[in-house]
Each structure stands twice: as C-alpha cells, then as structure tokens.
Amino acid sequence: MKITIAQLKKLEACSDQVALFEKIFGASAKVTLENCLIAAEAGLDIDWASQRLLTSRQRAAYLAAEASAWAAYKAATGPAWADYETARAQAFFEASQIN
C-alpha cells in the first residue's frame, strides 16, 4: 500500500497534516512499519488514516490491535494514576487545613 499527497487531498485531509506528510515523506510513502512509526512520532493522525485508507477488514484488524494496546497501556499506567489521585486528595486535605 502506498499513500500519496493526491490521495490525502482527495480525502480532504487537514492542510497541516498534508504539509507534515509532505515534509516527512515527500509526494508519497509506502506503508511500512518503519514509516508508520515515523508518522506516529511526527504527529500524523494514524487513526484518521485508518478510517479513510484501510478496507473494512483492515480497519477491524487495526481496531483489535488498538484495543489490545490500550488495555496494555491502562494496565501499565493504572497504578501510577491511582497513586497520583491519592496524592492529589492528600494535598487537597492538607491545604484545606491551613488557616
């Protein structure tokens, strides 16, 4: 699969995203893992692309992988968020005790 500036414009991609794509890849880019990682790191909207450039079967596979990634992210960050919320509650309590 290849993505081109012409495709993005035809699909009415945001002008800033088209400009960013062109800055990074030029007129077109082959969809490779390396290019996908570059695109994500640069801030290109991967979800937008998945909605407009993938077939329904490809999109379903993308959504399944994304759900798995979110689950892993939540499992990894959940304890830290809980600690953060506890610290905020403690800070609120302590601040409320100041006369």
Protein backbone atom coordinates (compact mmCIF):
# COMPACT_ATOMS: atom_id res chain seq x y z
CA MET A 1 0.00 0.00 0.00
CA LYS A 2 1.17 3.50 -0.84
CA ILE A 3 -0.14 6.85 0.43
CA THR A 4 0.16 9.93 -1.75
CA ILE A 5 -0.35 13.64 -1.29
CA ALA A 6 -3.01 13.46 -4.01
CA GLN A 7 -4.91 10.77 -2.03
CA LEU A 8 -4.78 12.82 1.14
CA LYS A 9 -6.07 15.92 -0.62
CA LYS A 10 -8.83 13.95 -2.35
CA LEU A 11 -9.89 12.60 1.06
CA GLU A 12 -9.87 16.19 2.40
CA ALA A 13 -7.11 15.70 4.93
CA CYS A 14 -6.32 18.77 7.02
CA SER A 15 -3.85 21.05 5.27
CA ASP A 16 -1.46 20.91 8.23
CA GLN A 17 -1.44 17.11 8.10
CA VAL A 18 -0.86 17.14 4.33
CA ALA A 19 2.03 19.59 4.81
CA LEU A 20 3.52 17.44 7.59
CA PHE A 21 3.20 14.29 5.47
CA GLU A 22 4.91 16.05 2.56
CA LYS A 23 7.69 17.38 4.80
CA ILE A 24 8.41 13.89 6.12
CA PHE A 25 7.79 11.68 3.09
CA GLY A 26 7.65 13.88 0.02
CA ALA A 27 4.93 13.15 -2.55
CA SER A 28 4.25 9.60 -1.37
CA ALA A 29 5.20 6.90 1.08
CA LYS A 30 4.95 3.15 1.09
CA VAL A 31 3.19 1.82 4.18
CA THR A 32 5.90 0.03 6.11
CA LEU A 33 6.28 -0.46 9.84
CA GLU A 34 9.20 1.97 9.83
CA ASN A 35 7.16 4.64 8.01
CA CYS A 36 4.18 4.11 10.31
CA LEU A 37 6.41 4.61 13.34
CA ILE A 38 7.92 7.75 11.78
CA ALA A 39 4.42 9.07 11.01
CA ALA A 40 3.18 8.43 14.54
CA GLU A 41 6.26 10.03 16.12
CA ALA A 42 5.84 13.09 13.88
CA GLY A 43 2.21 13.54 14.89
CA LEU A 44 0.42 12.38 11.77
CA ASP A 45 -3.11 11.25 12.59
CA ILE A 46 -2.88 7.48 12.26
CA ASP A 47 -6.49 6.97 13.34
CA TRP A 48 -7.75 9.35 10.64
CA ALA A 49 -5.71 7.40 8.09
CA SER A 50 -7.07 4.09 9.36
CA GLN A 51 -10.64 5.35 8.92
CA ARG A 52 -10.14 6.56 5.37
CA LEU A 53 -7.40 4.43 3.82
CA LEU A 54 -7.99 0.93 5.17
CA THR A 55 -10.58 -1.56 3.95
CA SER A 56 -13.24 -2.58 6.45
CA ARG A 57 -11.36 -5.82 7.12
CA GLN A 58 -8.09 -3.95 7.64
CA ARG A 59 -9.83 -1.41 9.88
CA ALA A 60 -11.26 -4.21 12.04
CA ALA A 61 -7.76 -5.63 12.49
CA TYR A 62 -6.44 -2.15 13.33
CA LEU A 63 -9.17 -1.62 15.94
CA ALA A 64 -8.48 -5.01 17.53
CA ALA A 65 -4.77 -4.23 17.80
CA GLU A 66 -5.53 -0.74 19.13
CA ALA A 67 -7.82 -2.18 21.82
CA SER A 68 -5.07 -4.55 22.90
CA ALA A 69 -2.58 -1.68 23.06
CA TRP A 70 -4.99 0.43 25.15
CA ALA A 71 -5.50 -2.44 27.56
CA ALA A 72 -1.74 -2.81 27.99
CA TYR A 73 -1.36 0.95 28.45
CA LYS A 74 -4.09 1.08 31.10
CA ALA A 75 -2.59 -1.90 32.94
CA ALA A 76 0.83 -0.23 32.94
CA THR A 77 -0.34 3.25 33.93
CA GLY A 78 -3.29 2.42 36.18
CA PRO A 79 -1.30 2.08 39.41
CA ALA A 80 0.55 5.34 38.74
CA TRP A 81 -2.74 7.19 38.14
CA ALA A 82 -4.16 5.76 41.36
CA ASP A 83 -1.09 6.99 43.27
CA TYR A 84 -1.43 10.40 41.63
CA GLU A 85 -5.10 10.69 42.60
CA THR A 86 -4.26 9.66 46.17
CA ALA A 87 -1.54 12.31 46.33
CA ARG A 88 -3.93 14.97 44.99
CA ALA A 89 -6.55 14.04 47.58
CA GLN A 90 -3.91 14.23 50.31
CA ALA A 91 -2.72 17.61 49.02
CA PHE A 92 -6.28 18.93 48.97
CA PHE A 93 -6.86 17.74 52.51
CA GLU A 94 -3.61 19.28 53.77
CA ALA A 95 -4.30 22.59 52.01
CA SER A 96 -7.80 22.70 53.48
CA GLN A 97 -6.31 22.52 56.97
CA ILE A 98 -4.32 25.75 56.56
CA ASN A 99 -5.88 28.65 58.42
